[in-house]
Amino acid sequence: MRRIRANAILILTVAWILGTFYYLWQDSKPSSSTSSGSQLKNHGQKSSSGRLEERTLPLIVTHAPKLEQQAQLLGQFDEKAFLSSKQLKAGEDPYREHAFNLQESDRLGSERAIRDTRHYRCASMTFDPDLPPTSIIITFHNEARSTLLRTIKSVLMRSPPHLIQEIILVDDFSSDRLIRSRVRGASAASASILTFLDSHCEVNADWLQPMIQRVKEDHTRVVSPIIDVISLDNFAYLAASADLRGGFDWSLHFKWEQIPIEQKMARNDPTQPIRTPVIAGGIFVMDKSWFNHLGQYDTHMDIWGGENFELSFRVWMCGGSLEILPCSRVGHVFRKRHPYDFPEGNALTYIKNTRRAAEVWMDEYKQYYYAARPSAQGKAFGSIADRLSLRRKLNCNSFRWYLENVYPELKIPEQEAAYSLLKQGGLCLESHGTDSLGLAECKTTPNIPASQKWTLIEPQIRQHDLCLAITAFTAGSKVRLEPCNIKESRQPHAQGQRRANLQPMAHCDIFSITCTRNILWQVSVRGFDSGFLVTAAVAGYESLDLRRGSQAAPLQPVRSHFGLVSEADLIVAEARELTEGSSLS
């Protein structure tokens, strides 16, 4: 009986693959129609104004074939020929076109066994027998045939057949790109539940049932699996941690972060859902009526990037919730670069999209977005009138509600820190990229760039999630930025109120960038009346106090046990406190 069932599944799998890819096979043939050729040629070209024009192309929806059609389809489709027509040629860089090792992907073929990475308790979970089927929507842009085919085959091999109503492939033809292509796919879907997948994934055992179960129980839930890692080099399938959720900083940069300790302690079962402030956005399940009710996607966003924030804010603030389900696992190829071009550039596109999200959903807190991403100011982002109207129509909560009820761990900058300039004469320390430092002309308020703003957060000196650190406790070691780690002794600490004595934190001179003196620096942030006191160790010899009062206090050299040096040798930490309601934009 098991053998008969296995054969039936195999036949259905191959048949669905044939139908799904038949149009791709046909597309590789030259068209004899002049009008059709013209349509494809002109699609996605820039207009006279320089903007990409919208074109409407047929959407291919492949349903499960009838049993009598399966044998015929089996004889028509040549999988080996389909894959070999786009395989890597001798001498070609396997990473060039797709930003992953195409040679290794092609070598693996269209199906393979992967390790079940779920917690062992997941195998004993039960689900309703009447779970509704789903439409699986996969958008792709010049995807490698082997990865796309492996994505679809993994779905067919590891999903109950009765839960898959259809698989919808949307080739964006270089114009619609991910955001608008997903809307087109969702509009064509006939099932009541939508499942969005990227085109370079492999689903794991019983991945679908937990997500459909949660959405069936509450149609306002949007659920995502734990996203395992598929190596871009050798395509090894690697398990991701089950203790992570989606988060972000004020620049709207997505990050994976540990579940808060309170939430972790409240979870007495490792199979329980994880509440998440945001989802990564590539893989999730959502009720179709809820998707439409909430306004689908912001289709004025371009290509890719930022749409996950807009959707996540909208779901939470307008009556829904976001969850990550530990018993659902999907592997994903995470690439180090985008394998496609952004017409306006990657950075500008991301700024446009995230600025639209900030302007519509972040209310007065958008000032912190602009403070963290000053390059966004003045950049065009199009009309948001329709999205603001949608928010009013849905009677959504405020972003303050979101911070208090969904993401209290995202601290408001003015509530946790003072922004400072670290100066040497007329030059200020600034960050270059994600790890290097340098000196540059100091800017004045309100034009201080984010690269020159340093946050004094006990016990570290930070820029967002990066901290000042030395490479080693030896002469000649360099100062750099690295991810903050409160346990890392190489990251100079801002001393607390109870530690009155200034002590060397490292043996370097930050402003020569290499170690040349006995002491690097030390900043102490202590309570002082209604403000704060900032003390900076100066070149290993001197300290300065800056006290905030009713009037700006002048910087005065203060004699220390190191002795007094000339003002030209002083390294000064200037601090200013952000008062409530002050604008950084």
Protein backbone atom coordinates (compact mmCIF):
# COMPACT_ATOMS: atom_id res chain seq x y z
CA MET A 1 0.00 0.00 0.00
CA ARG A 2 2.82 2.38 0.89
CA ARG A 3 4.51 1.61 -2.43
CA ILE A 4 1.31 2.35 -4.38
CA ARG A 5 0.89 5.65 -2.52
CA ALA A 6 4.52 6.58 -3.18
CA ASN A 7 4.12 5.86 -6.90
CA ALA A 8 0.95 7.95 -7.02
CA ILE A 9 2.68 10.89 -5.38
CA LEU A 10 5.62 10.55 -7.76
CA ILE A 11 3.35 10.61 -10.80
CA LEU A 12 1.43 13.62 -9.49
CA THR A 13 4.69 15.41 -8.67
CA VAL A 14 6.17 14.96 -12.12
CA ALA A 15 2.90 15.86 -13.80
CA TRP A 16 2.60 19.10 -11.89
CA ILE A 17 6.18 19.97 -12.69
CA LEU A 18 5.52 19.40 -16.36
CA GLY A 19 2.50 21.65 -16.40
CA THR A 20 4.20 24.32 -14.33
CA PHE A 21 7.25 24.54 -16.53
CA TYR A 22 5.65 23.90 -19.89
CA TYR A 23 5.25 27.60 -20.60
CA LEU A 24 8.90 28.24 -19.66
CA TRP A 25 9.98 25.56 -22.13
CA GLN A 26 7.78 27.13 -24.78
CA ASP A 27 9.16 30.58 -23.96
CA SER A 28 12.67 29.43 -24.85
CA LYS A 29 11.51 28.84 -28.44
CA PRO A 30 11.60 31.76 -30.91
CA SER A 31 8.21 33.35 -31.44
CA SER A 32 6.75 33.51 -34.92
CA SER A 33 4.36 36.26 -34.00
CA THR A 34 5.56 39.74 -34.78
CA SER A 35 3.18 41.38 -32.37
CA SER A 36 4.14 39.02 -29.58
CA GLY A 37 7.81 39.60 -30.20
CA SER A 38 7.25 43.32 -30.18
CA GLN A 39 5.40 43.10 -26.90
CA LEU A 40 8.23 41.25 -25.20
CA LYS A 41 10.86 43.50 -26.72
CA ASN A 42 9.22 46.68 -25.51
CA HIS A 43 8.26 45.36 -22.12
CA GLY A 44 10.07 47.06 -19.26
CA GLN A 45 11.73 49.71 -21.46
CA LYS A 46 12.07 53.22 -20.15
CA SER A 47 9.73 55.90 -21.34
CA SER A 48 10.84 59.31 -22.53
CA SER A 49 10.64 60.49 -18.93
CA GLY A 50 13.16 57.87 -17.90
CA ARG A 51 10.75 55.81 -15.78
CA LEU A 52 9.90 52.19 -16.33
CA GLU A 53 6.58 51.78 -18.09
CA GLU A 54 4.03 49.28 -16.82
CA ARG A 55 3.15 46.44 -19.18
CA THR A 56 0.57 43.74 -18.63
CA LEU A 57 1.66 40.24 -19.55
CA PRO A 58 -0.31 37.00 -19.32
CA LEU A 59 -0.14 35.29 -15.94
CA ILE A 60 0.37 31.54 -16.09
CA VAL A 61 -1.59 29.59 -13.47
CA THR A 62 -0.97 25.85 -13.44
CA HIS A 63 -3.59 23.67 -11.77
CA ALA A 64 -3.23 19.99 -10.96
CA PRO A 65 -3.68 18.02 -14.20
CA LYS A 66 -6.41 15.46 -14.58
CA LEU A 67 -5.34 11.87 -14.14
CA GLU A 68 -5.81 11.06 -17.80
CA GLN A 69 -3.46 13.90 -18.74
CA GLN A 70 -0.59 12.76 -16.54
CA ALA A 71 0.80 10.07 -18.84
CA GLN A 72 0.70 12.45 -21.81
CA LEU A 73 2.53 15.16 -19.86
CA LEU A 74 5.15 12.69 -18.70
CA GLY A 75 6.02 11.93 -22.28
CA GLN A 76 6.20 15.57 -23.37
CA PHE A 77 8.54 17.08 -20.80
CA ASP A 78 12.28 16.40 -20.86
CA GLU A 79 13.61 17.62 -17.52
CA LYS A 80 17.24 16.98 -18.43
CA ALA A 81 16.94 19.04 -21.61
CA PHE A 82 15.05 21.76 -19.75
CA LEU A 83 17.86 22.12 -17.22
CA SER A 84 20.79 21.67 -19.60
CA SER A 85 19.63 24.47 -21.91
CA LYS A 86 20.50 27.02 -19.22
CA GLN A 87 23.42 25.29 -17.55
CA LEU A 88 26.80 26.87 -16.95
CA LYS A 89 29.27 26.79 -19.82
CA ALA A 90 32.89 25.82 -19.35
CA GLY A 91 34.99 28.64 -17.93
CA GLU A 92 32.03 30.77 -16.78
CA ASP A 93 31.97 32.18 -13.26
CA PRO A 94 29.34 30.12 -11.40
CA TYR A 95 28.47 33.10 -9.15
CA ARG A 96 28.21 35.83 -11.79
CA GLU A 97 24.60 35.60 -12.92
CA HIS A 98 22.75 34.42 -9.82
CA ALA A 99 25.08 35.36 -6.91
CA PHE A 100 25.26 31.73 -5.82
CA ASN A 101 27.15 28.68 -7.04
CA LEU A 102 25.11 27.71 -10.10
CA GLN A 103 27.42 24.81 -10.87
CA GLU A 104 26.68 23.21 -7.51
CA SER A 105 22.94 23.88 -7.83
CA ASP A 106 22.82 22.22 -11.24
CA ARG A 107 24.83 19.28 -9.94
CA LEU A 108 22.27 18.60 -7.21
CA GLY A 109 19.43 18.24 -9.67
CA SER A 110 15.78 18.99 -9.02
CA GLU A 111 15.25 16.97 -5.85
CA ARG A 112 17.26 15.81 -2.89
CA ALA A 113 16.79 14.62 0.68
CA ILE A 114 17.30 17.20 3.44
CA ARG A 115 17.53 16.82 7.19
CA ASP A 116 14.40 17.43 9.26
CA THR A 117 15.52 20.40 11.37
CA ARG A 118 12.41 20.69 13.54
CA HIS A 119 12.27 20.03 17.27
CA TYR A 120 11.38 16.39 17.87
CA ARG A 121 8.06 17.37 19.49
CA CYS A 122 6.86 18.79 16.19
CA ALA A 123 6.47 15.29 14.76
CA SER A 124 3.68 14.54 17.25
CA MET A 125 1.60 17.62 16.45
CA THR A 126 -1.90 17.04 15.06
CA PHE A 127 -3.91 19.23 12.72
CA ASP A 128 -7.54 19.61 11.75
CA PRO A 129 -8.57 17.14 9.04
CA ASP A 130 -10.46 19.85 7.16
CA LEU A 131 -7.63 22.34 6.64
CA PRO A 132 -8.36 24.54 3.62
CA PRO A 133 -6.07 24.32 0.57
CA THR A 134 -3.71 27.12 -0.38
CA SER A 135 -2.51 28.84 -3.52
CA ILE A 136 1.29 28.87 -3.55
CA ILE A 137 2.68 31.98 -5.25
CA ILE A 138 6.30 32.00 -6.41
CA THR A 139 7.68 35.11 -8.09
CA PHE A 140 11.02 34.97 -9.82
CA HIS A 141 13.38 37.12 -11.86
CA ASN A 142 15.76 35.30 -14.20
CA GLU A 143 16.02 32.53 -11.61
CA ALA A 144 18.31 29.57 -12.21
CA ARG A 145 16.20 26.74 -13.55
CA SER A 146 17.64 24.17 -11.16
CA THR A 147 16.83 26.22 -8.03
CA LEU A 148 13.35 27.13 -9.25
CA LEU A 149 12.56 23.54 -10.17
CA ARG A 150 13.95 22.32 -6.84
CA THR A 151 11.75 24.84 -5.00
CA ILE A 152 8.62 23.51 -6.68
CA LYS A 153 9.55 19.86 -6.34
CA SER A 154 10.24 20.27 -2.64
CA VAL A 155 6.74 21.72 -2.25
CA LEU A 156 5.17 18.78 -4.06
CA MET A 157 7.26 16.16 -2.28
CA ARG A 158 6.77 17.49 1.27
CA SER A 159 3.21 18.83 1.23
CA PRO A 160 -0.10 16.96 1.55
CA PRO A 161 -1.51 17.02 -2.02
CA HIS A 162 -4.99 18.03 -0.84
CA LEU A 163 -3.58 21.24 0.70
CA ILE A 164 -2.18 22.55 -2.59
CA GLN A 165 -4.88 24.02 -4.77
CA GLU A 166 -2.47 25.48 -7.28
CA ILE A 167 1.06 26.73 -7.79
CA ILE A 168 1.26 30.14 -9.42
CA LEU A 169 4.56 31.14 -11.02
CA VAL A 170 4.96 34.84 -11.75
CA ASP A 171 7.87 35.78 -14.01
CA ASP A 172 8.23 39.51 -13.49
CA PHE A 173 9.75 40.01 -16.97
CA SER A 174 12.12 42.60 -15.45
CA SER A 175 9.37 45.19 -14.91
CA ASP A 176 6.89 44.35 -12.18
CA ARG A 177 9.52 42.89 -9.88
CA LEU A 178 8.67 41.26 -6.58
CA ILE A 179 6.16 43.62 -4.97
CA ARG A 180 3.76 44.14 -7.86
CA SER A 181 4.29 40.58 -9.11
CA ARG A 182 3.07 39.23 -5.80
CA VAL A 183 -0.07 41.33 -6.04
CA ARG A 184 -0.73 39.92 -9.51
CA GLY A 185 -0.21 36.40 -8.25
CA ALA A 186 -2.51 36.93 -5.28
CA SER A 187 -5.22 38.39 -7.50
CA ALA A 188 -5.12 35.30 -9.71
CA ALA A 189 -5.22 32.87 -6.77
CA SER A 190 -8.41 30.86 -6.30
CA ALA A 191 -7.73 29.48 -2.81
CA SER A 192 -8.81 31.24 0.37
CA ILE A 193 -5.28 31.10 1.81
CA LEU A 194 -2.17 32.50 0.14
CA THR A 195 1.33 31.10 0.55
CA PHE A 196 4.19 33.26 -0.71
CA LEU A 197 7.54 31.63 -1.47
CA ASP A 198 10.82 32.86 -2.87
CA SER A 199 12.15 31.04 -5.92
CA HIS A 200 15.33 29.70 -4.28
CA CYS A 201 13.89 27.72 -1.37
CA GLU A 202 13.44 24.16 -0.22
CA VAL A 203 10.57 23.39 2.12
CA ASN A 204 11.09 20.90 4.92
CA ALA A 205 8.92 18.10 6.31
CA ASP A 206 5.33 19.03 7.21
CA TRP A 207 6.07 22.70 6.67
CA LEU A 208 2.61 23.68 5.45
CA GLN A 209 0.17 22.22 7.98
CA PRO A 210 1.24 24.31 11.03
CA MET A 211 0.87 27.57 9.12
CA ILE A 212 -2.51 26.78 7.58
CA GLN A 213 -3.75 25.59 10.98
CA ARG A 214 -2.86 28.91 12.64
CA VAL A 215 -4.46 30.97 9.88
CA LYS A 216 -7.59 28.79 9.94
CA GLU A 217 -7.95 29.41 13.69
CA ASP A 218 -7.62 33.18 13.24
CA HIS A 219 -7.75 34.71 9.78
CA THR A 220 -5.98 37.89 10.98
CA ARG A 221 -2.77 35.98 11.71
CA VAL A 222 0.12 36.22 9.28
CA VAL A 223 2.53 33.36 9.88
CA SER A 224 6.05 32.61 8.73
CA PRO A 225 8.29 29.55 9.12
CA ILE A 226 11.71 29.45 10.68
CA ILE A 227 13.94 30.17 7.72
CA ASP A 228 16.85 27.77 7.54
CA VAL A 229 19.98 28.59 5.56
CA ILE A 230 20.97 27.02 2.25
CA SER A 231 24.63 27.76 1.62
CA LEU A 232 25.20 29.85 -1.50
CA ASP A 233 28.50 28.04 -2.01
CA ASN A 234 27.82 24.32 -1.63
CA PHE A 235 24.02 24.33 -1.06
CA ALA A 236 24.36 22.61 2.30
CA TYR A 237 21.10 22.78 4.26
CA LEU A 238 21.81 24.35 7.68
CA ALA A 239 19.40 24.63 10.61
CA ALA A 240 18.62 28.11 11.91
CA SER A 241 18.09 28.89 15.58
CA ALA A 242 14.58 28.45 16.94
CA ASP A 243 15.10 31.35 19.38
CA LEU A 244 15.09 34.20 16.86
CA ARG A 245 12.48 36.68 15.71
CA GLY A 246 12.45 39.56 13.24
CA GLY A 247 13.50 43.00 14.39
CA PHE A 248 14.87 46.28 13.06
CA ASP A 249 16.65 49.46 14.02
CA TRP A 250 15.54 53.04 13.44
CA SER A 251 17.09 53.09 9.97
CA LEU A 252 14.60 50.34 9.06
CA HIS A 253 17.32 47.77 8.65
CA PHE A 254 15.96 44.27 9.20
CA LYS A 255 17.81 41.97 11.58
CA TRP A 256 17.33 38.66 13.32
CA GLU A 257 17.35 39.06 17.09
CA GLN A 258 17.00 36.86 20.14
CA ILE A 259 13.54 36.39 21.61
CA PRO A 260 13.21 38.64 24.69
CA ILE A 261 13.91 36.75 27.89
CA GLU A 262 10.38 37.36 29.19
CA GLN A 263 8.85 35.83 26.07
CA LYS A 264 11.32 32.95 26.13
CA MET A 265 10.51 32.10 29.75
CA ALA A 266 6.78 32.25 29.05
CA ARG A 267 7.11 29.65 26.29
CA ASN A 268 6.89 26.32 28.11
CA ASP A 269 6.63 24.40 24.85
CA PRO A 270 9.24 24.72 22.06
CA THR A 271 6.51 24.17 19.46
CA GLN A 272 4.58 27.29 20.50
CA PRO A 273 4.40 30.21 18.03
CA ILE A 274 6.81 33.13 18.41
CA ARG A 275 5.36 36.63 18.28
CA THR A 276 7.50 38.75 15.98
CA PRO A 277 7.44 42.54 15.39
CA VAL A 278 8.29 42.06 11.69
CA ILE A 279 8.77 39.22 9.26
CA ALA A 280 11.54 38.85 6.72
CA GLY A 281 8.87 39.07 4.03
CA GLY A 282 9.91 36.41 1.55
CA ILE A 283 8.01 33.43 2.94
CA PHE A 284 4.67 33.65 4.73
CA VAL A 285 1.06 32.45 4.77
CA MET A 286 -1.93 34.79 4.95
CA ASP A 287 -5.68 34.66 4.50
CA LYS A 288 -6.56 36.07 1.07
CA SER A 289 -9.56 38.09 2.29
CA TRP A 290 -7.40 39.60 5.05
CA PHE A 291 -4.65 40.35 2.53
CA ASN A 292 -7.15 42.22 0.35
CA HIS A 293 -8.84 43.93 3.31
CA LEU A 294 -5.50 45.32 4.49
CA GLY A 295 -4.67 46.73 1.06
CA GLN A 296 -2.40 44.00 -0.35
CA TYR A 297 1.02 45.63 -0.93
CA ASP A 298 2.00 49.25 -1.51
CA THR A 299 2.39 48.89 -5.27
CA HIS A 300 4.16 52.26 -5.54
CA MET A 301 7.15 50.68 -3.88
CA ASP A 302 9.72 49.55 -6.42
CA ILE A 303 11.33 46.18 -7.01
CA TRP A 304 12.36 44.93 -3.55
CA GLY A 305 13.13 46.18 -0.06
CA GLY A 306 11.03 47.76 2.68
CA GLU A 307 7.78 46.03 1.75
CA ASN A 308 8.14 43.70 4.74
CA PHE A 309 8.14 46.68 7.15
CA GLU A 310 5.11 48.24 5.50
CA LEU A 311 3.21 44.95 5.63
CA SER A 312 4.30 44.16 9.19
CA PHE A 313 3.33 47.60 10.55
CA ARG A 314 0.00 47.37 8.75
CA VAL A 315 -0.83 43.90 10.06
CA TRP A 316 -0.07 44.73 13.68
CA MET A 317 -1.48 48.25 13.76
CA CYS A 318 -4.69 47.36 11.92
CA GLY A 319 -5.87 44.43 14.01
CA GLY A 320 -3.73 41.43 13.06
CA SER A 321 -0.66 39.65 14.36
CA LEU A 322 2.61 38.16 13.10
CA GLU A 323 4.01 34.81 14.16
CA ILE A 324 6.99 32.58 13.43
CA LEU A 325 6.16 28.89 13.76
CA PRO A 326 9.01 26.68 15.04
CA CYS A 327 7.41 23.54 13.57
CA SER A 328 7.48 24.95 10.06
CA ARG A 329 10.90 25.08 8.40
CA VAL A 330 11.87 26.36 4.95
CA GLY A 331 15.43 26.64 3.67
CA HIS A 332 16.44 29.74 1.74
CA VAL A 333 19.55 30.74 -0.22
CA PHE A 334 20.77 33.99 1.34
CA ARG A 335 22.90 35.87 -1.17
CA LYS A 336 25.51 38.54 -0.48
CA ARG A 337 24.40 40.75 -3.37
CA HIS A 338 21.42 41.27 -5.63
CA PRO A 339 21.80 39.42 -8.94
CA TYR A 340 19.65 41.98 -10.74
CA ASP A 341 19.84 45.70 -11.42
CA PHE A 342 17.86 48.46 -9.72
CA PRO A 343 17.04 51.15 -12.33
CA GLU A 344 17.57 53.92 -9.76
CA GLY A 345 20.23 52.07 -7.79
CA ASN A 346 19.87 49.71 -4.85
CA ALA A 347 20.31 52.39 -2.16
CA LEU A 348 17.86 54.90 -3.67
CA THR A 349 15.23 52.22 -4.23
CA TYR A 350 15.50 51.03 -0.64
CA ILE A 351 15.36 54.61 0.65
CA LYS A 352 12.25 55.35 -1.41
CA ASN A 353 10.48 52.23 -0.17
CA THR A 354 11.39 52.62 3.49
CA ARG A 355 10.58 56.32 3.42
CA ARG A 356 7.09 55.49 2.13
CA ALA A 357 6.67 53.06 5.03
CA ALA A 358 7.95 55.61 7.55
CA GLU A 359 5.77 58.46 6.26
CA VAL A 360 2.59 56.37 6.29
CA TRP A 361 3.00 54.32 9.46
CA MET A 362 5.58 55.75 11.87
CA ASP A 363 3.81 59.01 12.81
CA GLU A 364 6.03 61.39 14.79
CA TYR A 365 8.56 58.61 15.32
CA LYS A 366 9.66 58.95 11.71
CA GLN A 367 12.08 61.62 12.97
CA TYR A 368 14.26 58.80 14.29
CA TYR A 369 14.22 57.11 10.90
CA TYR A 370 15.54 60.31 9.31
CA ALA A 371 18.10 60.72 12.09
CA ALA A 372 19.39 57.21 11.49
CA ARG A 373 19.19 57.50 7.70
CA PRO A 374 19.85 61.18 6.88
CA SER A 375 20.36 60.37 3.20
CA ALA A 376 16.60 59.77 2.99
CA GLN A 377 15.80 63.44 3.53
CA GLY A 378 14.84 65.17 0.31
CA LYS A 379 14.59 61.95 -1.70
CA ALA A 380 11.45 61.55 -3.80
CA PHE A 381 9.05 58.87 -2.63
CA GLY A 382 5.89 59.55 -4.63
CA SER A 383 2.35 60.17 -3.46
CA ILE A 384 1.18 58.36 -0.34
CA ALA A 385 -2.35 59.78 -0.33
CA ASP A 386 -3.96 56.42 -1.10
CA ARG A 387 -2.04 54.63 1.67
CA LEU A 388 -2.88 57.32 4.23
CA SER A 389 -6.52 57.05 3.17
CA LEU A 390 -6.32 53.27 3.62
CA ARG A 391 -4.94 53.70 7.13
CA ARG A 392 -7.79 56.03 8.09
CA LYS A 393 -10.34 53.67 6.56
CA LEU A 394 -8.98 50.71 8.54
CA ASN A 395 -8.93 52.77 11.75
CA CYS A 396 -5.45 51.55 12.59
CA ASN A 397 -3.57 52.07 15.83
CA SER A 398 -0.73 54.56 16.21
CA PHE A 399 2.94 53.73 15.94
CA ARG A 400 3.23 54.56 19.63
CA TRP A 401 0.77 51.72 20.27
CA TYR A 402 3.00 49.47 18.17
CA LEU A 403 6.07 50.39 20.23
CA GLU A 404 4.29 49.89 23.54
CA ASN A 405 2.45 46.67 22.71
CA VAL A 406 4.45 44.92 20.00
CA TYR A 407 8.05 46.12 20.08
CA PRO A 408 8.88 47.76 23.43
CA GLU A 409 12.46 46.53 22.99
CA LEU A 410 12.99 49.16 20.28
CA LYS A 411 14.17 51.95 22.51
CA ILE A 412 13.42 55.54 21.62
CA PRO A 413 16.81 57.27 21.27
CA GLU A 414 16.01 60.28 23.41
CA GLN A 415 14.88 58.02 26.22
CA GLU A 416 18.04 55.99 26.42
CA ALA A 417 21.01 58.05 25.33
CA ALA A 418 22.74 61.32 24.69
CA TYR A 419 24.12 61.97 21.23
CA SER A 420 27.69 63.23 21.19
CA LEU A 421 30.42 64.50 18.93
CA LEU A 422 33.88 63.14 19.64
CA LYS A 423 36.21 65.99 18.72
CA GLN A 424 39.89 66.67 18.31
CA GLY A 425 40.34 70.34 17.57
CA GLY A 426 38.07 71.13 14.63
CA LEU A 427 37.83 67.53 13.49
CA CYS A 428 35.30 64.92 14.54
CA LEU A 429 35.41 61.17 14.65
CA GLU A 430 33.12 59.62 12.05
CA SER A 431 32.37 56.15 10.80
CA HIS A 432 33.18 55.00 7.29
CA GLY A 433 31.06 52.05 6.26
CA THR A 434 30.47 49.32 8.81
CA ASP A 435 33.88 48.90 10.40
CA SER A 436 36.33 51.76 9.73
CA LEU A 437 36.82 55.19 11.30
CA GLY A 438 38.32 58.51 10.35
CA LEU A 439 38.50 62.21 11.17
CA ALA A 440 36.49 64.80 9.24
CA GLU A 441 35.35 68.39 9.55
CA CYS A 442 32.75 68.71 12.30
CA LYS A 443 29.24 69.55 11.15
CA THR A 444 26.91 71.78 13.12
CA THR A 445 23.31 71.31 14.22
CA PRO A 446 20.97 70.54 12.49
CA ASN A 447 23.25 69.17 9.77
CA ILE A 448 25.22 66.72 11.87
CA PRO A 449 25.46 63.51 9.84
CA ALA A 450 24.64 60.18 11.47
CA SER A 451 28.24 59.10 10.86
CA GLN A 452 29.45 61.72 13.40
CA LYS A 453 26.82 61.06 16.07
CA TRP A 454 27.95 58.81 18.88
CA THR A 455 25.56 57.44 21.44
CA LEU A 456 26.71 57.11 25.03
CA ILE A 457 24.74 54.11 26.24
CA GLU A 458 25.99 52.48 29.39
CA PRO A 459 28.23 50.69 29.09
CA GLN A 460 29.22 51.33 25.48
CA ILE A 461 29.87 54.00 22.85
CA ARG A 462 27.70 53.17 19.87
CA GLN A 463 26.32 54.01 16.47
CA HIS A 464 23.12 51.99 16.23
CA ASP A 465 24.22 48.37 16.65
CA LEU A 466 27.95 49.06 16.18
CA CYS A 467 30.39 49.92 18.96
CA LEU A 468 33.87 51.41 19.12
CA ALA A 469 36.44 48.69 19.77
CA ILE A 470 40.13 47.99 19.49
CA THR A 471 41.50 44.97 17.68
CA ALA A 472 43.84 44.00 20.54
CA PHE A 473 45.42 45.29 23.75
CA THR A 474 48.78 45.85 22.10
CA ALA A 475 50.62 48.86 20.73
CA GLY A 476 49.75 49.46 17.10
CA SER A 477 46.26 47.96 17.38
CA LYS A 478 43.61 49.71 15.34
CA VAL A 479 40.32 51.18 16.47
CA ARG A 480 37.27 50.06 14.52
CA LEU A 481 33.52 49.54 14.61
CA GLU A 482 32.11 46.11 15.30
CA PRO A 483 28.76 44.65 16.43
CA CYS A 484 28.11 45.62 20.02
CA ASN A 485 28.68 42.95 22.64
CA ILE A 486 28.30 43.98 26.25
CA LYS A 487 30.67 41.21 27.34
CA GLU A 488 33.44 42.29 24.96
CA SER A 489 36.28 43.91 26.90
CA ARG A 490 37.75 45.42 23.72
CA GLN A 491 34.75 47.75 23.47
CA PRO A 492 35.42 50.81 25.69
CA HIS A 493 32.73 51.21 28.29
CA ALA A 494 30.93 54.31 29.49
CA GLN A 495 31.23 54.13 33.27
CA GLY A 496 28.15 54.20 35.48
CA GLN A 497 27.40 56.58 38.33
CA ARG A 498 28.80 54.29 41.01
CA ARG A 499 32.22 54.08 39.34
CA ALA A 500 33.66 57.50 40.02
CA ASN A 501 37.28 56.69 39.30
CA LEU A 502 38.38 57.03 35.72
CA GLN A 503 40.23 53.93 34.63
CA PRO A 504 41.95 53.17 31.34
CA MET A 505 39.77 51.01 29.10
CA ALA A 506 42.38 50.39 26.42
CA HIS A 507 45.88 51.45 25.47
CA CYS A 508 45.39 53.39 22.24
CA ASP A 509 44.82 56.86 20.89
CA ILE A 510 41.58 56.80 18.95
CA PHE A 511 42.24 59.90 16.90
CA SER A 512 45.46 58.69 15.39
CA ILE A 513 43.49 55.51 14.69
CA THR A 514 46.43 53.41 15.92
CA CYS A 515 47.74 52.89 19.44
CA THR A 516 50.37 55.51 20.28
CA ARG A 517 49.60 56.55 23.88
CA ASN A 518 48.93 54.92 27.20
CA ILE A 519 45.17 55.41 27.25
CA LEU A 520 42.58 55.35 24.48
CA TRP A 521 39.70 57.24 26.03
CA GLN A 522 37.06 56.86 28.64
CA VAL A 523 33.64 58.45 28.74
CA SER A 524 31.64 58.47 31.93
CA VAL A 525 27.94 59.24 31.82
CA ARG A 526 26.58 60.02 35.28
CA GLY A 527 23.46 61.63 36.61
CA PHE A 528 23.95 65.36 37.27
CA ASP A 529 20.95 67.34 38.43
CA SER A 530 18.35 67.09 35.66
CA GLY A 531 20.94 66.50 32.99
CA PHE A 532 24.15 64.55 32.77
CA LEU A 533 27.87 64.83 33.21
CA VAL A 534 30.23 63.75 30.46
CA THR A 535 33.87 63.17 31.32
CA ALA A 536 36.41 62.35 28.66
CA ALA A 537 39.88 61.08 29.36
CA VAL A 538 42.19 63.22 27.27
CA ALA A 539 45.17 61.71 25.52
CA GLY A 540 46.14 59.80 28.61
CA TYR A 541 46.76 62.97 30.65
CA GLU A 542 43.69 65.10 31.18
CA SER A 543 39.93 65.11 31.79
CA LEU A 544 37.23 67.57 30.80
CA ASP A 545 33.80 68.09 32.33
CA LEU A 546 30.77 69.31 30.43
CA ARG A 547 27.84 70.08 32.69
CA ARG A 548 24.44 70.95 31.31
CA GLY A 549 22.63 73.68 33.20
CA SER A 550 20.43 76.66 32.50
CA GLN A 551 23.23 78.10 30.41
CA ALA A 552 25.73 76.32 28.24
CA ALA A 553 28.76 75.56 30.39
CA PRO A 554 32.13 76.30 28.82
CA LEU A 555 34.59 73.48 28.40
CA GLN A 556 37.23 73.94 31.08
CA PRO A 557 40.40 71.86 31.54
CA VAL A 558 40.24 70.04 34.84
CA ARG A 559 43.46 69.03 36.60
CA SER A 560 43.78 65.30 37.02
CA HIS A 561 46.38 62.99 38.48
CA PHE A 562 47.82 62.67 34.97
CA GLY A 563 48.90 66.33 34.93
CA LEU A 564 47.84 69.23 32.70
CA VAL A 565 48.55 69.49 28.99
CA SER A 566 47.95 72.16 26.39
CA GLU A 567 44.50 72.58 24.87
CA ALA A 568 45.78 71.51 21.46
CA ASP A 569 46.38 68.04 22.82
CA LEU A 570 42.93 67.65 24.31
CA ILE A 571 40.41 65.19 22.99
CA VAL A 572 36.95 66.42 23.92
CA ALA A 573 33.63 64.61 24.12
CA GLU A 574 30.83 67.10 23.58
CA ALA A 575 27.38 65.86 24.54
CA ARG A 576 23.92 67.26 24.09
CA GLU A 577 20.71 65.89 25.47
CA LEU A 578 17.72 65.42 23.19
CA THR A 579 14.65 66.92 24.80
CA GLU A 580 11.22 65.44 24.28
CA GLY A 581 9.72 66.49 20.98
CA SER A 582 12.95 67.70 19.45
CA SER A 583 13.27 66.96 15.75
CA LEU A 584 16.16 65.25 14.09
CA SER A 585 14.83 65.63 10.56
